[in-house]
């Protein structure tokens, strides 16, 4: 089977990373895990080393750059991009092995789930999965599985600190090859728990609107990470 490379950008993810790396341990010798860190001050690097991941460093806090560093240093034919605060099911690898034997032109993403039992999150999941499946607009926190040749053909993730997922999908020649897997990925609710879920959703929409209207990413980045 084709070797796979799992790429995870990090910044101070020592609490979340062990959980994800535990989920990924199922790949054993069939793949590699690349952690691309941008200056963690906690034990993120130590955790990565304990789990046997390859560690690379980015000089900038820039997720697009981190993802591209991982891709360019990868050895696998298939790339899997994941956020550090996500979880996968115990049998995820067994269920997606057929992907690696199929048409390399397809770009896959997982079904969006949030690791919280509140009903309001079920509503958000329905909306996100509807948007992703029928409007072909998945985001990076849903994971991304792509053949390396297709990644390079589309010039990969650009050196931008956010909106790198939206930017990449917008540059695809055709979205007909975007395909949702019938397999969940569980993302942390932390970005919604810091504020009201509806307010955060509106803020995220507004950030995307500002970027699409040509506003500087530097300005948007400053507001996005404002405490």
C-alpha atoms as a PDB file:
ATOM      1  CA  UNK A   1       0.000   0.000   0.000  1.00  0.00           C
ATOM      2  CA  UNK A   2       1.124   3.549  -0.689  1.00  0.00           C
ATOM      3  CA  UNK A   3       2.931   5.144   2.202  1.00  0.00           C
ATOM      4  CA  UNK A   4       1.088   8.017   3.867  1.00  0.00           C
ATOM      5  CA  UNK A   5       2.316  11.167   5.569  1.00  0.00           C
ATOM      6  CA  UNK A   6       0.265  12.802   8.312  1.00  0.00           C
ATOM      7  CA  UNK A   7       1.055  16.491   8.761  1.00  0.00           C
ATOM      8  CA  UNK A   8       0.097  18.410  11.906  1.00  0.00           C
ATOM      9  CA  UNK A   9       0.864  22.115  12.514  1.00  0.00           C
ATOM     10  CA  UNK A  10       1.346  22.990  16.193  1.00  0.00           C
ATOM     11  CA  UNK A  11       1.752  25.860  18.632  1.00  0.00           C
ATOM     12  CA  UNK A  12       1.511  25.009  22.340  1.00  0.00           C
ATOM     13  CA  UNK A  13      -0.520  21.820  21.839  1.00  0.00           C
ATOM     14  CA  UNK A  14       1.001  19.653  24.597  1.00  0.00           C
ATOM     15  CA  UNK A  15      -2.437  18.945  26.091  1.00  0.00           C
ATOM     16  CA  UNK A  16      -4.154  17.939  22.851  1.00  0.00           C
ATOM     17  CA  UNK A  17      -1.356  16.328  20.877  1.00  0.00           C
ATOM     18  CA  UNK A  18      -1.000  13.099  22.945  1.00  0.00           C
ATOM     19  CA  UNK A  19      -4.654  12.261  22.281  1.00  0.00           C
ATOM     20  CA  UNK A  20      -4.363  12.711  18.530  1.00  0.00           C
ATOM     21  CA  UNK A  21      -1.028  10.897  18.305  1.00  0.00           C
ATOM     22  CA  UNK A  22      -2.560   8.012  20.221  1.00  0.00           C
ATOM     23  CA  UNK A  23      -5.341   7.828  17.607  1.00  0.00           C
ATOM     24  CA  UNK A  24      -2.715   7.878  14.844  1.00  0.00           C
ATOM     25  CA  UNK A  25      -0.578   5.101  16.333  1.00  0.00           C
ATOM     26  CA  UNK A  26      -2.701   2.595  14.398  1.00  0.00           C
ATOM     27  CA  UNK A  27      -0.748   3.390  11.201  1.00  0.00           C
ATOM     28  CA  UNK A  28       2.403   1.756  12.658  1.00  0.00           C
ATOM     29  CA  UNK A  29       4.872   1.156   9.805  1.00  0.00           C
ATOM     30  CA  UNK A  30       2.488   2.160   7.026  1.00  0.00           C
ATOM     31  CA  UNK A  31       3.091   5.872   7.340  1.00  0.00           C
ATOM     32  CA  UNK A  32       4.891   8.744   9.004  1.00  0.00           C
ATOM     33  CA  UNK A  33       3.791  11.613  11.240  1.00  0.00           C
ATOM     34  CA  UNK A  34       5.255  15.074  10.749  1.00  0.00           C
ATOM     35  CA  UNK A  35       4.835  17.782  13.394  1.00  0.00           C
ATOM     36  CA  UNK A  36       5.587  21.295  12.152  1.00  0.00           C
ATOM     37  CA  UNK A  37       5.899  23.598  15.141  1.00  0.00           C
ATOM     38  CA  UNK A  38       6.104  27.383  15.143  1.00  0.00           C
ATOM     39  CA  UNK A  39       7.579  28.167  18.544  1.00  0.00           C
ATOM     40  CA  UNK A  40       5.750  26.208  21.232  1.00  0.00           C
ATOM     41  CA  UNK A  41       6.712  27.153  24.778  1.00  0.00           C
ATOM     42  CA  UNK A  42       5.160  24.079  26.391  1.00  0.00           C
ATOM     43  CA  UNK A  43       6.005  20.374  26.009  1.00  0.00           C
ATOM     44  CA  UNK A  44       4.656  19.984  22.448  1.00  0.00           C
ATOM     45  CA  UNK A  45       8.033  19.000  20.979  1.00  0.00           C
ATOM     46  CA  UNK A  46       8.687  16.534  23.810  1.00  0.00           C
ATOM     47  CA  UNK A  47       5.317  14.894  23.204  1.00  0.00           C
ATOM     48  CA  UNK A  48       6.024  14.595  19.480  1.00  0.00           C
ATOM     49  CA  UNK A  49       9.399  12.993  20.149  1.00  0.00           C
ATOM     50  CA  UNK A  50       7.935  10.510  22.652  1.00  0.00           C
ATOM     51  CA  UNK A  51       5.457   9.308  20.024  1.00  0.00           C
ATOM     52  CA  UNK A  52       8.159   9.009  17.374  1.00  0.00           C
ATOM     53  CA  UNK A  53       6.937  11.810  15.138  1.00  0.00           C
ATOM     54  CA  UNK A  54       9.303  13.733  12.893  1.00  0.00           C
ATOM     55  CA  UNK A  55       9.610  17.335  14.058  1.00  0.00           C
ATOM     56  CA  UNK A  56      10.162  20.351  11.825  1.00  0.00           C
ATOM     57  CA  UNK A  57      10.180  23.994  12.814  1.00  0.00           C
ATOM     58  CA  UNK A  58       8.706  27.067  11.191  1.00  0.00           C
ATOM     59  CA  UNK A  59      10.216  30.455  11.923  1.00  0.00           C
ATOM     60  CA  UNK A  60       6.788  32.067  11.641  1.00  0.00           C
ATOM     61  CA  UNK A  61       3.421  31.549  13.277  1.00  0.00           C
ATOM     62  CA  UNK A  62       1.929  30.780   9.913  1.00  0.00           C
ATOM     63  CA  UNK A  63      -0.283  27.712   9.421  1.00  0.00           C
ATOM     64  CA  UNK A  64      -0.119  27.768   5.631  1.00  0.00           C
ATOM     65  CA  UNK A  65       3.677  27.771   5.795  1.00  0.00           C
ATOM     66  CA  UNK A  66       3.693  25.022   8.428  1.00  0.00           C
ATOM     67  CA  UNK A  67       1.478  22.756   6.333  1.00  0.00           C
ATOM     68  CA  UNK A  68       3.611  23.326   3.248  1.00  0.00           C
ATOM     69  CA  UNK A  69       6.834  22.618   5.158  1.00  0.00           C
ATOM     70  CA  UNK A  70       5.317  19.308   6.210  1.00  0.00           C
ATOM     71  CA  UNK A  71       4.226  18.473   2.667  1.00  0.00           C
ATOM     72  CA  UNK A  72       7.620  19.281   1.182  1.00  0.00           C
ATOM     73  CA  UNK A  73       9.407  17.100   3.744  1.00  0.00           C
ATOM     74  CA  UNK A  74       6.975  14.204   3.458  1.00  0.00           C
ATOM     75  CA  UNK A  75       7.865  10.805   2.002  1.00  0.00           C
ATOM     76  CA  UNK A  76       4.350   9.509   1.436  1.00  0.00           C
ATOM     77  CA  UNK A  77       2.314   9.327  -1.755  1.00  0.00           C
ATOM     78  CA  UNK A  78      -0.790  10.423   0.156  1.00  0.00           C
ATOM     79  CA  UNK A  79      -0.867  13.412   2.517  1.00  0.00           C
ATOM     80  CA  UNK A  80      -3.239  13.750   5.460  1.00  0.00           C
ATOM     81  CA  UNK A  81      -3.461  17.220   7.013  1.00  0.00           C
ATOM     82  CA  UNK A  82      -4.901  17.386  10.536  1.00  0.00           C
ATOM     83  CA  UNK A  83      -5.273  20.024  13.239  1.00  0.00           C
ATOM     84  CA  UNK A  84      -3.733  19.143  16.596  1.00  0.00           C
ATOM     85  CA  UNK A  85      -6.981  19.481  18.547  1.00  0.00           C
ATOM     86  CA  UNK A  86      -8.831  16.776  16.617  1.00  0.00           C
ATOM     87  CA  UNK A  87      -9.612  13.121  17.398  1.00  0.00           C
ATOM     88  CA  UNK A  88     -10.332  10.145  15.167  1.00  0.00           C
ATOM     89  CA  UNK A  89     -12.240   6.908  15.703  1.00  0.00           C
ATOM     90  CA  UNK A  90     -10.325   3.784  16.749  1.00  0.00           C
ATOM     91  CA  UNK A  91     -10.807   2.172  13.325  1.00  0.00           C
ATOM     92  CA  UNK A  92     -10.366   5.238  11.117  1.00  0.00           C
ATOM     93  CA  UNK A  93      -7.307   3.881   9.299  1.00  0.00           C
ATOM     94  CA  UNK A  94      -8.917   0.550   8.458  1.00  0.00           C
ATOM     95  CA  UNK A  95     -11.942   2.344   7.026  1.00  0.00           C
ATOM     96  CA  UNK A  96     -10.005   4.675   4.723  1.00  0.00           C
ATOM     97  CA  UNK A  97      -7.444   2.237   3.319  1.00  0.00           C
ATOM     98  CA  UNK A  98      -9.533   1.882   0.174  1.00  0.00           C
ATOM     99  CA  UNK A  99      -8.946   5.601  -0.495  1.00  0.00           C
ATOM    100  CA  UNK A 100      -5.240   4.973  -1.016  1.00  0.00           C
ATOM    101  CA  UNK A 101      -5.979   2.360  -3.653  1.00  0.00           C
ATOM    102  CA  UNK A 102      -8.482   4.493  -5.554  1.00  0.00           C
ATOM    103  CA  UNK A 103      -8.482   7.462  -7.909  1.00  0.00           C
ATOM    104  CA  UNK A 104      -5.694   9.830  -6.861  1.00  0.00           C
ATOM    105  CA  UNK A 105      -7.584  12.810  -8.295  1.00  0.00           C
ATOM    106  CA  UNK A 106     -10.077  12.789  -5.445  1.00  0.00           C
ATOM    107  CA  UNK A 107      -9.512  15.019  -2.421  1.00  0.00           C
ATOM    108  CA  UNK A 108     -11.195  13.714   0.704  1.00  0.00           C
ATOM    109  CA  UNK A 109     -12.281  15.259   3.985  1.00  0.00           C
ATOM    110  CA  UNK A 110     -13.987  13.874   7.087  1.00  0.00           C
ATOM    111  CA  UNK A 111     -17.487  14.399   8.412  1.00  0.00           C
ATOM    112  CA  UNK A 112     -17.424  17.286  10.884  1.00  0.00           C
ATOM    113  CA  UNK A 113     -18.173  16.530  14.547  1.00  0.00           C
ATOM    114  CA  UNK A 114     -17.534  18.513  17.734  1.00  0.00           C
ATOM    115  CA  UNK A 115     -16.313  16.877  20.943  1.00  0.00           C
ATOM    116  CA  UNK A 116     -19.105  18.213  23.118  1.00  0.00           C
ATOM    117  CA  UNK A 117     -22.553  16.834  23.921  1.00  0.00           C
ATOM    118  CA  UNK A 118     -24.419  20.172  23.848  1.00  0.00           C
ATOM    119  CA  UNK A 119     -27.359  20.160  21.429  1.00  0.00           C
ATOM    120  CA  UNK A 120     -26.303  23.472  19.929  1.00  0.00           C
ATOM    121  CA  UNK A 121     -23.192  21.813  18.521  1.00  0.00           C
ATOM    122  CA  UNK A 122     -25.335  19.268  16.687  1.00  0.00           C
ATOM    123  CA  UNK A 123     -26.933  22.189  14.833  1.00  0.00           C
ATOM    124  CA  UNK A 124     -23.511  23.535  13.882  1.00  0.00           C
ATOM    125  CA  UNK A 125     -22.438  20.088  12.668  1.00  0.00           C
ATOM    126  CA  UNK A 126     -25.478  19.828  10.396  1.00  0.00           C
ATOM    127  CA  UNK A 127     -24.803  23.245   8.882  1.00  0.00           C
ATOM    128  CA  UNK A 128     -21.079  22.620   8.352  1.00  0.00           C
ATOM    129  CA  UNK A 129     -21.594  19.195   6.794  1.00  0.00           C
ATOM    130  CA  UNK A 130     -24.343  20.517   4.516  1.00  0.00           C
ATOM    131  CA  UNK A 131     -22.095  23.365   3.343  1.00  0.00           C
ATOM    132  CA  UNK A 132     -19.167  21.008   2.809  1.00  0.00           C
ATOM    133  CA  UNK A 133     -21.025  18.299   0.932  1.00  0.00           C
ATOM    134  CA  UNK A 134     -23.368  20.313  -1.251  1.00  0.00           C
ATOM    135  CA  UNK A 135     -21.451  23.579  -1.713  1.00  0.00           C
ATOM    136  CA  UNK A 136     -18.012  21.912  -1.766  1.00  0.00           C
ATOM    137  CA  UNK A 137     -16.639  24.192   0.955  1.00  0.00           C
ATOM    138  CA  UNK A 138     -14.859  22.100   3.602  1.00  0.00           C
ATOM    139  CA  UNK A 139     -12.426  23.719   6.027  1.00  0.00           C
ATOM    140  CA  UNK A 140      -9.099  22.583   7.430  1.00  0.00           C
ATOM    141  CA  UNK A 141     -10.491  21.368  10.744  1.00  0.00           C
ATOM    142  CA  UNK A 142     -12.308  18.613   8.826  1.00  0.00           C
ATOM    143  CA  UNK A 143      -8.995  17.078   7.832  1.00  0.00           C
ATOM    144  CA  UNK A 144      -7.738  16.770   4.280  1.00  0.00           C
ATOM    145  CA  UNK A 145      -6.533  13.661   2.419  1.00  0.00           C
ATOM    146  CA  UNK A 146      -4.837  14.386  -0.886  1.00  0.00           C
ATOM    147  CA  UNK A 147      -2.392  12.631  -3.197  1.00  0.00           C
ATOM    148  CA  UNK A 148       0.948  14.414  -3.170  1.00  0.00           C
ATOM    149  CA  UNK A 149       0.964  14.834  -6.956  1.00  0.00           C
ATOM    150  CA  UNK A 150      -2.403  16.622  -6.796  1.00  0.00           C
ATOM    151  CA  UNK A 151      -1.211  18.787  -3.909  1.00  0.00           C
ATOM    152  CA  UNK A 152       1.837  19.889  -5.906  1.00  0.00           C
ATOM    153  CA  UNK A 153      -0.169  20.302  -9.110  1.00  0.00           C
ATOM    154  CA  UNK A 154      -2.366  22.840  -7.297  1.00  0.00           C
ATOM    155  CA  UNK A 155       0.665  24.596  -5.760  1.00  0.00           C
ATOM    156  CA  UNK A 156      -0.140  23.457  -2.231  1.00  0.00           C
ATOM    157  CA  UNK A 157      -0.869  25.703   0.735  1.00  0.00           C
ATOM    158  CA  UNK A 158       0.349  29.245   0.341  1.00  0.00           C
ATOM    159  CA  UNK A 159       2.520  31.067   2.855  1.00  0.00           C
ATOM    160  CA  UNK A 160      -0.375  32.761   4.652  1.00  0.00           C
ATOM    161  CA  UNK A 161      -1.145  32.682   8.415  1.00  0.00           C
ATOM    162  CA  UNK A 162      -4.859  31.884   8.110  1.00  0.00           C
ATOM    163  CA  UNK A 163      -7.515  31.202   5.442  1.00  0.00           C
ATOM    164  CA  UNK A 164      -4.981  28.789   3.935  1.00  0.00           C
ATOM    165  CA  UNK A 165      -7.661  26.123   3.568  1.00  0.00           C
ATOM    166  CA  UNK A 166     -10.159  28.429   1.864  1.00  0.00           C
ATOM    167  CA  UNK A 167      -7.412  29.767  -0.396  1.00  0.00           C
ATOM    168  CA  UNK A 168      -6.369  26.267  -1.443  1.00  0.00           C
ATOM    169  CA  UNK A 169      -9.889  25.084  -2.243  1.00  0.00           C
ATOM    170  CA  UNK A 170     -10.578  28.246  -4.250  1.00  0.00           C
ATOM    171  CA  UNK A 171      -7.554  27.512  -6.450  1.00  0.00           C
ATOM    172  CA  UNK A 172      -8.669  24.001  -7.392  1.00  0.00           C
ATOM    173  CA  UNK A 173      -9.413  23.687 -11.097  1.00  0.00           C
ATOM    174  CA  UNK A 174     -12.499  21.648 -10.314  1.00  0.00           C
ATOM    175  CA  UNK A 175     -14.332  20.973  -7.066  1.00  0.00           C
ATOM    176  CA  UNK A 176     -16.070  17.899  -8.446  1.00  0.00           C
ATOM    177  CA  UNK A 177     -13.273  15.783  -6.986  1.00  0.00           C
ATOM    178  CA  UNK A 178     -13.896  16.978  -3.416  1.00  0.00           C
ATOM    179  CA  UNK A 179     -15.482  14.107  -1.548  1.00  0.00           C
ATOM    180  CA  UNK A 180     -16.746  13.755   2.019  1.00  0.00           C
ATOM    181  CA  UNK A 181     -15.883  10.514   3.790  1.00  0.00           C
ATOM    182  CA  UNK A 182     -18.584   8.753   5.758  1.00  0.00           C
ATOM    183  CA  UNK A 183     -16.276   8.880   8.750  1.00  0.00           C
ATOM    184  CA  UNK A 184     -16.225  11.497  11.520  1.00  0.00           C
ATOM    185  CA  UNK A 185     -13.422  13.696  12.738  1.00  0.00           C
ATOM    186  CA  UNK A 186     -13.935  15.201  16.180  1.00  0.00           C
ATOM    187  CA  UNK A 187     -12.726  18.739  16.685  1.00  0.00           C
ATOM    188  CA  UNK A 188     -12.304  20.550  19.981  1.00  0.00           C
ATOM    189  CA  UNK A 189     -15.044  23.060  20.909  1.00  0.00           C
ATOM    190  CA  UNK A 190     -12.472  25.412  22.458  1.00  0.00           C
ATOM    191  CA  UNK A 191     -12.780  28.187  19.864  1.00  0.00           C
ATOM    192  CA  UNK A 192     -16.533  28.310  20.396  1.00  0.00           C
ATOM    193  CA  UNK A 193     -16.336  27.985  24.182  1.00  0.00           C
ATOM    194  CA  UNK A 194     -14.320  31.179  24.478  1.00  0.00           C
ATOM    195  CA  UNK A 195     -17.363  33.127  23.349  1.00  0.00           C
ATOM    196  CA  UNK A 196     -20.983  32.671  22.302  1.00  0.00           C
ATOM    197  CA  UNK A 197     -21.229  30.038  19.556  1.00  0.00           C
ATOM    198  CA  UNK A 198     -23.400  32.220  17.314  1.00  0.00           C
ATOM    199  CA  UNK A 199     -21.169  35.235  17.853  1.00  0.00           C
ATOM    200  CA  UNK A 200     -18.067  33.195  16.972  1.00  0.00           C
ATOM    201  CA  UNK A 201     -19.737  31.805  13.854  1.00  0.00           C
ATOM    202  CA  UNK A 202     -20.641  35.321  12.721  1.00  0.00           C
ATOM    203  CA  UNK A 203     -17.087  36.490  13.434  1.00  0.00           C
ATOM    204  CA  UNK A 204     -15.644  33.657  11.362  1.00  0.00           C
ATOM    205  CA  UNK A 205     -17.994  34.469   8.497  1.00  0.00           C
ATOM    206  CA  UNK A 206     -16.966  38.123   8.710  1.00  0.00           C
ATOM    207  CA  UNK A 207     -13.267  37.250   8.635  1.00  0.00           C
ATOM    208  CA  UNK A 208     -13.813  35.252   5.441  1.00  0.00           C
ATOM    209  CA  UNK A 209     -15.886  38.056   3.925  1.00  0.00           C
ATOM    210  CA  UNK A 210     -13.160  40.618   4.662  1.00  0.00           C
ATOM    211  CA  UNK A 211     -10.504  38.387   3.087  1.00  0.00           C
ATOM    212  CA  UNK A 212     -12.590  37.706  -0.016  1.00  0.00           C
ATOM    213  CA  UNK A 213     -13.126  41.455  -0.368  1.00  0.00           C
ATOM    214  CA  UNK A 214      -9.371  41.968  -0.551  1.00  0.00           C
ATOM    215  CA  UNK A 215      -8.542  43.141   2.962  1.00  0.00           C
ATOM    216  CA  UNK A 216      -4.988  42.566   4.176  1.00  0.00           C
ATOM    217  CA  UNK A 217      -4.480  39.234   5.964  1.00  0.00           C
ATOM    218  CA  UNK A 218      -2.226  41.036   8.421  1.00  0.00           C
ATOM    219  CA  UNK A 219      -5.173  43.113   9.599  1.00  0.00           C
ATOM    220  CA  UNK A 220      -7.509  40.108   9.756  1.00  0.00           C
ATOM    221  CA  UNK A 221      -4.871  38.031  11.558  1.00  0.00           C
ATOM    222  CA  UNK A 222      -4.528  40.711  14.223  1.00  0.00           C
ATOM    223  CA  UNK A 223      -8.279  40.674  14.880  1.00  0.00           C
ATOM    224  CA  UNK A 224      -8.546  36.864  14.678  1.00  0.00           C
ATOM    225  CA  UNK A 225      -5.996  36.306  17.451  1.00  0.00           C
ATOM    226  CA  UNK A 226      -7.069  39.278  19.530  1.00  0.00           C
ATOM    227  CA  UNK A 227      -7.478  38.243  23.180  1.00  0.00           C
END
